[in-house]
Amino acid sequence: MNHLLKSANAFLYHDFIFSSRYRIFRHVVFWVAHTLMWACVWEMLGSPGSYGRELINMAMWLPIFILYGYPMAYWAVPRLLMKGRLIQFLLLIIAWGIAGIYIDQSYRKYIYVPLQVKMGFKDVLPTGPLAFCYLCLTSSAAVPMVIRFFKYWELKQQDWLQAQQEKIIAELQLLKTQVHPHFLFNTLNNIYSFSLENSPKTPELILKLASLLSYMLYDCKSTEVRLAKELEIMRNYIALETERYGNKIDISWNVAGDEIQDKFIAPLMMLPFIENAFKHGTSEQIEKCWLSVDISVKENTLKVKIANSKNEYAVRSNNGIGIANVQKRLAFIYPDKHELKFSDEGNFYVVSLMIHLTGVTSIIKPFTSIIPQSIQHESTMPAYR
């Protein structure tokens, strides 16, 4: 029953009211309902004629109702009212109302009353001024104006919302393209340093970089990717950086939670924090450094804590382009559904991120593992929880 009601509401709102396909049918339905309603009103007010006669009377008024009401509804409302020309619109309303007095009398005198006489009706209306006839004329013109105003306003709102959505999508695409070069620049620098030393590990690093490029060129085009894939890319990046540090860094990587394969996240939402940890934390240390990544997923809530050692005398800033872009993307994609905190503890720095994942938007083949077996890291550092 609820499904039927939702389908009926969707048809009435999206198709019948706003679709041009039913434009003529909409007008027919409106004027038929208008005629039935006013005939009922006159019958309830004690009209001497029967309900059938009142239907005929109201049907005879339809031409003047349409000619009097449509110019205001389809010209004055969009050309004046909706464009902010309120004074001109009000002046036109007053002038049109005064003109309605003469239009009402002229229509009854030259068309309506002669038709009643020819049809043999008794109690024929007089041709002079009649307040109830004028009220019926003006109210019949006002209703299409009100309907047209709210319909025009609703269409403008829909256009505005669509423009806002397109603006957000464009901004997200721009932010994403800004993340890519920033990330690639640091990664290529790492490989370049190995190539200068003719390291045999260079081909392996290039292969890992290729997987990162593939991810950014293809997977990142989607609005969401599997969380497992995002974590795999993060591990590849950590592996590239670890090769550069060798045994001068300790890495702790912990992932907890069920059904990670079934969760989705916007791409490149966590990687910039890993990148920042290496760039502004561990790279500035002389002594042995460490990096800790703790990720947990419970139901639809993702929690990430990234901690890294740093020079306690160095001031860590979170205003870089990569972090700023992530903050903007979080605000766009997960409004009121995320929490991001930064904490400088002197000799180490902590980033805490919590996201309420919104759900699945596409079906992608699952990955069999989020941790490459060829990468092994020590877990000798204490956990900062």
Protein backbone atom coordinates (compact mmCIF):
# COMPACT_ATOMS: atom_id res chain seq x y z
CA MET A 1 0.00 0.00 0.00
CA ASN A 2 2.82 2.40 0.92
CA HIS A 3 4.62 1.58 -2.33
CA LEU A 4 1.43 2.33 -4.28
CA LEU A 5 1.00 5.66 -2.51
CA LYS A 6 4.64 6.60 -3.16
CA SER A 7 4.26 5.73 -6.85
CA ALA A 8 1.08 7.79 -7.10
CA ASN A 9 2.70 10.75 -5.36
CA ALA A 10 5.76 10.52 -7.60
CA PHE A 11 3.56 10.46 -10.72
CA LEU A 12 1.44 13.41 -9.60
CA TYR A 13 4.42 15.50 -8.56
CA HIS A 14 7.05 14.74 -11.19
CA ASP A 15 5.01 13.71 -14.24
CA PHE A 16 1.52 15.17 -14.05
CA ILE A 17 2.32 18.56 -12.51
CA PHE A 18 5.69 19.39 -14.09
CA SER A 19 5.93 17.32 -17.25
CA SER A 20 5.01 19.02 -20.54
CA ARG A 21 3.57 15.71 -21.66
CA TYR A 22 0.40 16.28 -19.60
CA ARG A 23 0.11 20.03 -20.11
CA ILE A 24 -3.27 20.05 -21.91
CA PHE A 25 -4.66 17.33 -19.68
CA ARG A 26 -3.65 19.34 -16.60
CA HIS A 27 -5.64 22.36 -17.81
CA VAL A 28 -8.68 20.23 -18.63
CA VAL A 29 -8.61 18.62 -15.18
CA PHE A 30 -8.24 22.03 -13.49
CA TRP A 31 -11.17 23.67 -15.29
CA VAL A 32 -13.43 20.65 -14.88
CA ALA A 33 -12.69 20.65 -11.14
CA HIS A 34 -13.18 24.43 -11.08
CA THR A 35 -16.59 24.13 -12.75
CA LEU A 36 -17.75 21.34 -10.44
CA MET A 37 -16.60 23.22 -7.34
CA TRP A 38 -18.23 26.57 -8.20
CA ALA A 39 -21.48 24.87 -9.22
CA CYS A 40 -21.49 23.21 -5.81
CA VAL A 41 -20.79 26.56 -4.10
CA TRP A 42 -23.71 28.31 -5.81
CA GLU A 43 -25.98 25.38 -5.02
CA MET A 44 -25.00 25.54 -1.34
CA LEU A 45 -25.58 29.32 -1.30
CA GLY A 46 -29.21 28.77 -2.27
CA SER A 47 -29.25 29.26 -6.02
CA PRO A 48 -32.80 28.78 -7.40
CA GLY A 49 -31.57 26.49 -10.15
CA SER A 50 -30.58 22.84 -9.89
CA TYR A 51 -26.97 21.62 -9.67
CA GLY A 52 -27.12 20.63 -13.33
CA ARG A 53 -28.14 24.13 -14.30
CA GLU A 54 -25.33 25.59 -12.24
CA LEU A 55 -22.87 23.32 -14.07
CA ILE A 56 -24.13 24.75 -17.38
CA ASN A 57 -23.90 28.31 -16.05
CA MET A 58 -20.32 27.82 -14.88
CA ALA A 59 -19.37 26.13 -18.17
CA MET A 60 -20.69 29.24 -19.98
CA TRP A 61 -18.31 31.36 -17.88
CA LEU A 62 -15.22 29.29 -18.71
CA PRO A 63 -14.13 31.29 -21.81
CA ILE A 64 -13.98 34.58 -19.92
CA PHE A 65 -12.32 32.93 -16.91
CA ILE A 66 -9.55 31.65 -19.17
CA LEU A 67 -9.15 34.88 -21.15
CA TYR A 68 -9.09 36.96 -17.97
CA GLY A 69 -6.84 34.72 -15.87
CA TYR A 70 -4.20 33.32 -18.26
CA PRO A 71 -2.53 36.63 -19.25
CA MET A 72 -1.77 37.31 -15.59
CA ALA A 73 -0.69 33.74 -14.86
CA TYR A 74 1.51 33.26 -17.93
CA TRP A 75 2.79 36.77 -18.53
CA ALA A 76 2.62 38.89 -15.37
CA VAL A 77 3.87 36.22 -12.98
CA PRO A 78 7.02 35.13 -14.91
CA ARG A 79 7.80 38.53 -16.48
CA LEU A 80 7.17 40.75 -13.45
CA LEU A 81 6.69 38.91 -10.17
CA MET A 82 9.40 36.27 -10.61
CA LYS A 83 11.88 38.87 -11.85
CA GLY A 84 11.47 41.06 -8.79
CA ARG A 85 9.44 43.82 -10.47
CA LEU A 86 6.98 43.90 -7.59
CA ILE A 87 5.72 47.47 -7.97
CA GLN A 88 4.89 46.96 -11.64
CA PHE A 89 3.19 43.68 -10.76
CA LEU A 90 1.03 45.28 -8.04
CA LEU A 91 0.07 48.17 -10.32
CA LEU A 92 -0.92 45.71 -13.02
CA ILE A 93 -3.00 43.73 -10.49
CA ILE A 94 -4.90 46.90 -9.54
CA ALA A 95 -5.44 47.89 -13.17
CA TRP A 96 -6.48 44.36 -14.10
CA GLY A 97 -8.91 44.26 -11.17
CA ILE A 98 -10.56 47.51 -12.29
CA ALA A 99 -10.74 46.24 -15.84
CA GLY A 100 -12.42 43.09 -14.50
CA ILE A 101 -15.42 45.14 -13.40
CA TYR A 102 -16.13 46.20 -16.99
CA ILE A 103 -15.18 42.81 -18.43
CA ASP A 104 -17.65 41.09 -16.09
CA GLN A 105 -20.53 43.44 -17.02
CA SER A 106 -19.76 43.32 -20.74
CA TYR A 107 -19.59 39.53 -20.81
CA ARG A 108 -22.94 39.17 -19.02
CA LYS A 109 -24.59 41.85 -21.17
CA TYR A 110 -23.44 40.68 -24.60
CA ILE A 111 -22.81 36.94 -24.20
CA TYR A 112 -23.92 35.29 -20.95
CA VAL A 113 -27.43 36.77 -20.54
CA PRO A 114 -28.37 36.39 -24.26
CA LEU A 115 -27.33 32.74 -24.07
CA GLN A 116 -29.45 32.20 -20.98
CA VAL A 117 -32.46 33.77 -22.70
CA LYS A 118 -32.04 31.61 -25.82
CA MET A 119 -31.74 28.49 -23.66
CA GLY A 120 -35.01 29.39 -21.90
CA PHE A 121 -33.55 29.83 -18.44
CA LYS A 122 -35.61 31.55 -15.80
CA ASP A 123 -34.12 33.91 -13.22
CA VAL A 124 -31.73 35.42 -15.77
CA LEU A 125 -28.97 37.51 -14.24
CA PRO A 126 -29.15 41.30 -14.63
CA THR A 127 -26.57 43.09 -16.74
CA GLY A 128 -25.56 45.63 -14.11
CA PRO A 129 -22.76 45.33 -11.52
CA LEU A 130 -22.95 42.15 -9.45
CA ALA A 131 -20.48 41.59 -6.61
CA PHE A 132 -20.71 37.79 -6.59
CA CYS A 133 -20.08 37.58 -10.35
CA TYR A 134 -17.07 39.87 -10.02
CA LEU A 135 -15.79 37.78 -7.09
CA CYS A 136 -16.14 34.60 -9.12
CA LEU A 137 -14.27 36.17 -12.05
CA THR A 138 -11.35 37.52 -10.02
CA SER A 139 -10.95 34.42 -7.85
CA SER A 140 -10.99 32.26 -10.97
CA ALA A 141 -8.10 34.38 -12.30
CA ALA A 142 -6.24 34.39 -8.97
CA VAL A 143 -6.08 30.61 -8.60
CA PRO A 144 -4.11 30.01 -11.86
CA MET A 145 -1.78 32.86 -10.87
CA VAL A 146 -1.04 31.28 -7.49
CA ILE A 147 -0.56 27.85 -9.04
CA ARG A 148 1.70 29.30 -11.73
CA PHE A 149 3.73 31.19 -9.14
CA PHE A 150 4.41 28.15 -6.96
CA LYS A 151 5.08 25.96 -9.97
CA TYR A 152 7.53 28.49 -11.43
CA TRP A 153 9.15 28.91 -8.01
CA GLU A 154 9.50 25.14 -7.61
CA LEU A 155 11.10 24.81 -11.04
CA LYS A 156 13.56 27.59 -10.18
CA GLN A 157 14.37 25.80 -6.93
CA GLN A 158 15.01 22.57 -8.81
CA ASP A 159 17.26 24.39 -11.28
CA TRP A 160 19.13 26.02 -8.40
CA LEU A 161 19.59 22.71 -6.60
CA GLN A 162 20.80 21.07 -9.80
CA ALA A 163 23.23 23.93 -10.38
CA GLN A 164 24.51 23.58 -6.81
CA GLN A 165 24.99 19.84 -7.26
CA GLU A 166 26.84 20.38 -10.53
CA LYS A 167 28.97 23.03 -8.82
CA ILE A 168 29.83 20.64 -6.01
CA ILE A 169 30.70 17.87 -8.48
CA ALA A 170 32.91 20.25 -10.45
CA GLU A 171 34.64 21.40 -7.27
CA LEU A 172 35.18 17.83 -6.14
CA GLN A 173 36.71 16.94 -9.48
CA LEU A 174 38.99 19.97 -9.21
CA LEU A 175 40.02 19.04 -5.68
CA LYS A 176 40.70 15.48 -6.77
CA THR A 177 42.92 16.61 -9.65
CA GLN A 178 44.81 18.80 -7.19
CA VAL A 179 45.46 15.82 -4.93
CA HIS A 180 46.90 13.66 -7.70
CA PRO A 181 49.86 15.85 -8.80
CA HIS A 182 50.76 16.62 -5.20
CA PHE A 183 50.85 12.90 -4.38
CA LEU A 184 52.67 11.89 -7.58
CA PHE A 185 55.34 14.52 -7.12
CA ASN A 186 56.50 13.02 -3.81
CA THR A 187 56.29 9.43 -5.05
CA LEU A 188 58.33 10.14 -8.18
CA ASN A 189 60.94 11.86 -6.06
CA ASN A 190 61.33 8.69 -4.03
CA ILE A 191 61.83 6.53 -7.12
CA TYR A 192 64.21 9.08 -8.60
CA SER A 193 66.47 8.82 -5.54
CA PHE A 194 66.63 5.03 -5.97
CA SER A 195 67.37 5.31 -9.69
CA LEU A 196 70.34 7.56 -8.97
CA GLU A 197 71.79 4.76 -6.84
CA ASN A 198 71.00 2.11 -9.50
CA SER A 199 69.09 0.18 -6.88
CA PRO A 200 67.76 -3.26 -7.97
CA LYS A 201 64.56 -2.41 -6.14
CA THR A 202 63.72 0.31 -8.67
CA PRO A 203 61.63 -2.00 -10.96
CA GLU A 204 59.57 -3.17 -7.96
CA LEU A 205 58.96 0.41 -6.91
CA ILE A 206 57.94 1.34 -10.45
CA LEU A 207 55.45 -1.56 -10.42
CA LYS A 208 53.94 -0.27 -7.20
CA LEU A 209 53.78 3.21 -8.66
CA ALA A 210 52.01 1.75 -11.70
CA SER A 211 49.32 0.33 -9.43
CA LEU A 212 48.93 3.74 -7.83
CA LEU A 213 48.63 5.40 -11.23
CA SER A 214 46.06 2.84 -12.34
CA TYR A 215 44.08 3.54 -9.20
CA MET A 216 44.12 7.28 -9.75
CA LEU A 217 43.41 7.14 -13.48
CA TYR A 218 40.58 4.62 -13.37
CA ASP A 219 39.25 3.83 -9.89
CA CYS A 220 39.24 7.44 -8.72
CA LYS A 221 36.83 8.41 -11.49
CA SER A 222 34.10 6.78 -9.41
CA THR A 223 32.43 8.68 -6.61
CA GLU A 224 33.19 5.77 -4.28
CA VAL A 225 35.63 2.86 -4.24
CA ARG A 226 35.87 -0.21 -2.10
CA LEU A 227 37.46 0.52 1.25
CA ALA A 228 39.63 -2.55 0.75
CA LYS A 229 41.12 -1.05 -2.41
CA GLU A 230 41.79 2.28 -0.69
CA LEU A 231 43.63 0.45 2.09
CA GLU A 232 45.64 -1.54 -0.44
CA ILE A 233 46.78 1.68 -2.11
CA MET A 234 47.75 3.10 1.26
CA ARG A 235 49.89 0.02 1.95
CA ASN A 236 51.56 0.37 -1.44
CA TYR A 237 52.41 3.96 -0.69
CA ILE A 238 53.80 3.04 2.72
CA ALA A 239 55.85 0.31 1.05
CA LEU A 240 57.35 2.85 -1.37
CA GLU A 241 58.29 5.17 1.47
CA THR A 242 59.61 2.33 3.64
CA GLU A 243 62.05 1.29 0.92
CA ARG A 244 63.49 4.78 1.05
CA TYR A 245 63.88 4.74 4.85
CA GLY A 246 65.07 1.14 5.13
CA ASN A 247 65.57 0.06 8.76
CA LYS A 248 65.41 3.65 10.00
CA ILE A 249 61.63 3.48 10.46
CA ASP A 250 59.19 1.22 12.28
CA ILE A 251 55.77 0.74 10.76
CA SER A 252 52.67 -0.43 12.59
CA TRP A 253 49.63 -1.26 10.49
CA ASN A 254 46.46 -2.53 12.17
CA VAL A 255 43.09 -3.08 10.49
CA ALA A 256 40.14 -4.35 12.51
CA GLY A 257 36.50 -4.87 11.71
CA ASP A 258 34.18 -7.14 9.80
CA GLU A 259 33.01 -6.93 6.20
CA ILE A 260 35.61 -4.42 5.07
CA GLN A 261 35.19 -5.78 1.56
CA ASP A 262 31.59 -4.57 1.52
CA LYS A 263 32.31 -0.98 2.56
CA PHE A 264 32.79 1.95 0.21
CA ILE A 265 34.51 5.31 0.61
CA ALA A 266 35.32 8.33 -1.53
CA PRO A 267 38.76 7.79 -3.15
CA LEU A 268 41.95 9.34 -1.77
CA MET A 269 40.29 10.32 1.48
CA MET A 270 42.96 8.90 3.82
CA LEU A 271 46.11 8.72 1.71
CA PRO A 272 47.07 12.43 2.04
CA PHE A 273 47.40 11.97 5.81
CA ILE A 274 49.90 9.13 5.26
CA GLU A 275 51.74 11.30 2.77
CA ASN A 276 51.81 14.18 5.23
CA ALA A 277 53.12 11.94 8.01
CA PHE A 278 56.18 11.08 5.92
CA LYS A 279 56.68 14.52 4.47
CA HIS A 280 56.38 16.65 7.60
CA GLY A 281 57.06 14.12 10.35
CA THR A 282 59.44 11.25 9.84
CA SER A 283 61.55 12.96 7.15
CA GLU A 284 62.61 15.69 9.58
CA GLN A 285 63.95 13.28 12.21
CA ILE A 286 67.56 12.29 12.67
CA GLU A 287 66.89 9.39 15.01
CA LYS A 288 64.85 6.31 14.22
CA CYS A 289 61.25 7.26 13.46
CA TRP A 290 57.96 5.44 13.49
CA LEU A 291 54.52 5.48 11.93
CA SER A 292 51.36 3.91 13.31
CA VAL A 293 48.15 3.39 11.32
CA ASP A 294 45.10 2.01 13.15
CA ILE A 295 41.91 1.47 11.16
CA SER A 296 38.67 0.01 12.44
CA VAL A 297 35.28 -0.50 10.86
CA LYS A 298 32.19 -1.16 12.91
CA GLU A 299 28.88 -1.35 11.08
CA ASN A 300 29.00 1.80 8.89
CA THR A 301 31.49 3.79 10.94
CA LEU A 302 35.11 4.04 9.87
CA LYS A 303 37.69 5.19 12.41
CA VAL A 304 41.25 6.04 11.41
CA LYS A 305 44.13 7.06 13.66
CA ILE A 306 47.44 7.94 12.05
CA ALA A 307 50.31 8.77 14.44
CA ASN A 308 53.89 9.52 13.49
CA SER A 309 57.03 10.55 15.33
CA LYS A 310 58.41 14.01 14.68
CA ASN A 311 60.97 16.52 15.80
CA GLU A 312 59.46 17.95 18.96
CA TYR A 313 60.88 21.39 18.14
CA ALA A 314 59.29 21.44 14.69
CA VAL A 315 55.82 22.98 14.43
CA ARG A 316 53.53 20.74 12.39
CA SER A 317 51.04 22.55 10.15
CA ASN A 318 47.84 21.01 8.79
CA ASN A 319 47.23 23.76 6.24
CA GLY A 320 49.02 22.16 3.28
CA ILE A 321 47.28 21.79 -0.06
CA GLY A 322 46.77 18.04 0.34
CA ILE A 323 45.15 18.28 3.80
CA ALA A 324 43.13 21.35 2.84
CA ASN A 325 41.72 19.48 -0.16
CA VAL A 326 40.77 16.49 1.99
CA GLN A 327 38.99 18.78 4.44
CA LYS A 328 37.00 20.36 1.61
CA ARG A 329 36.11 17.00 0.13
CA LEU A 330 35.00 15.71 3.53
CA ALA A 331 32.75 18.75 3.92
CA PHE A 332 31.26 18.17 0.45
CA ILE A 333 30.86 14.39 0.50
CA TYR A 334 30.24 13.68 4.19
CA PRO A 335 28.53 16.78 5.62
CA ASP A 336 27.73 16.21 9.30
CA LYS A 337 28.92 12.62 8.87
CA HIS A 338 32.60 12.98 9.68
CA GLU A 339 34.93 14.20 12.38
CA LEU A 340 38.56 15.17 11.79
CA LYS A 341 41.00 16.06 14.58
CA PHE A 342 44.68 16.99 14.65
CA SER A 343 46.82 16.71 17.76
CA ASP A 344 50.45 17.83 18.15
CA GLU A 345 51.89 15.99 21.16
CA GLY A 346 55.41 17.39 20.88
CA ASN A 347 57.46 14.41 19.74
CA PHE A 348 54.63 12.80 17.81
CA TYR A 349 51.60 13.91 15.80
CA VAL A 350 48.15 12.30 15.61
CA VAL A 351 45.39 12.54 13.01
CA SER A 352 42.02 11.09 13.98
CA LEU A 353 39.31 10.65 11.38
CA MET A 354 35.81 9.25 11.77
CA ILE A 355 33.42 8.81 8.83
CA HIS A 356 29.90 7.45 8.71
CA LEU A 357 30.03 5.61 5.41
CA THR A 358 26.96 6.27 3.28
CA GLY A 359 26.66 2.89 1.55
CA VAL A 360 27.27 1.12 -1.72
CA THR A 361 26.97 3.11 -4.94
CA SER A 362 28.37 0.57 -7.39
CA ILE A 363 29.29 -3.07 -7.66
CA ILE A 364 33.00 -3.74 -7.99
CA LYS A 365 34.73 -7.08 -7.89
CA PRO A 366 36.15 -7.70 -4.42
CA PHE A 367 39.86 -7.81 -3.77
CA THR A 368 41.19 -10.96 -2.20
CA SER A 369 43.61 -9.16 0.08
CA ILE A 370 44.15 -5.65 1.30
CA ILE A 371 47.72 -6.33 2.46
CA PRO A 372 50.30 -7.39 -0.14
CA GLN A 373 52.09 -10.51 1.13
CA SER A 374 55.43 -9.33 -0.19
CA ILE A 375 55.49 -6.39 2.22
CA GLN A 376 56.49 -7.11 5.81
CA HIS A 377 56.93 -4.47 8.48
CA GLU A 378 57.85 -4.61 12.10
CA SER A 379 55.39 -3.67 14.80
CA THR A 380 57.86 -2.80 17.53
CA MET A 381 56.51 0.63 18.44
CA PRO A 382 53.93 1.22 21.18
CA ALA A 383 50.33 1.79 20.18
CA TYR A 384 48.89 5.26 20.71
CA ARG A 385 45.18 4.70 21.26
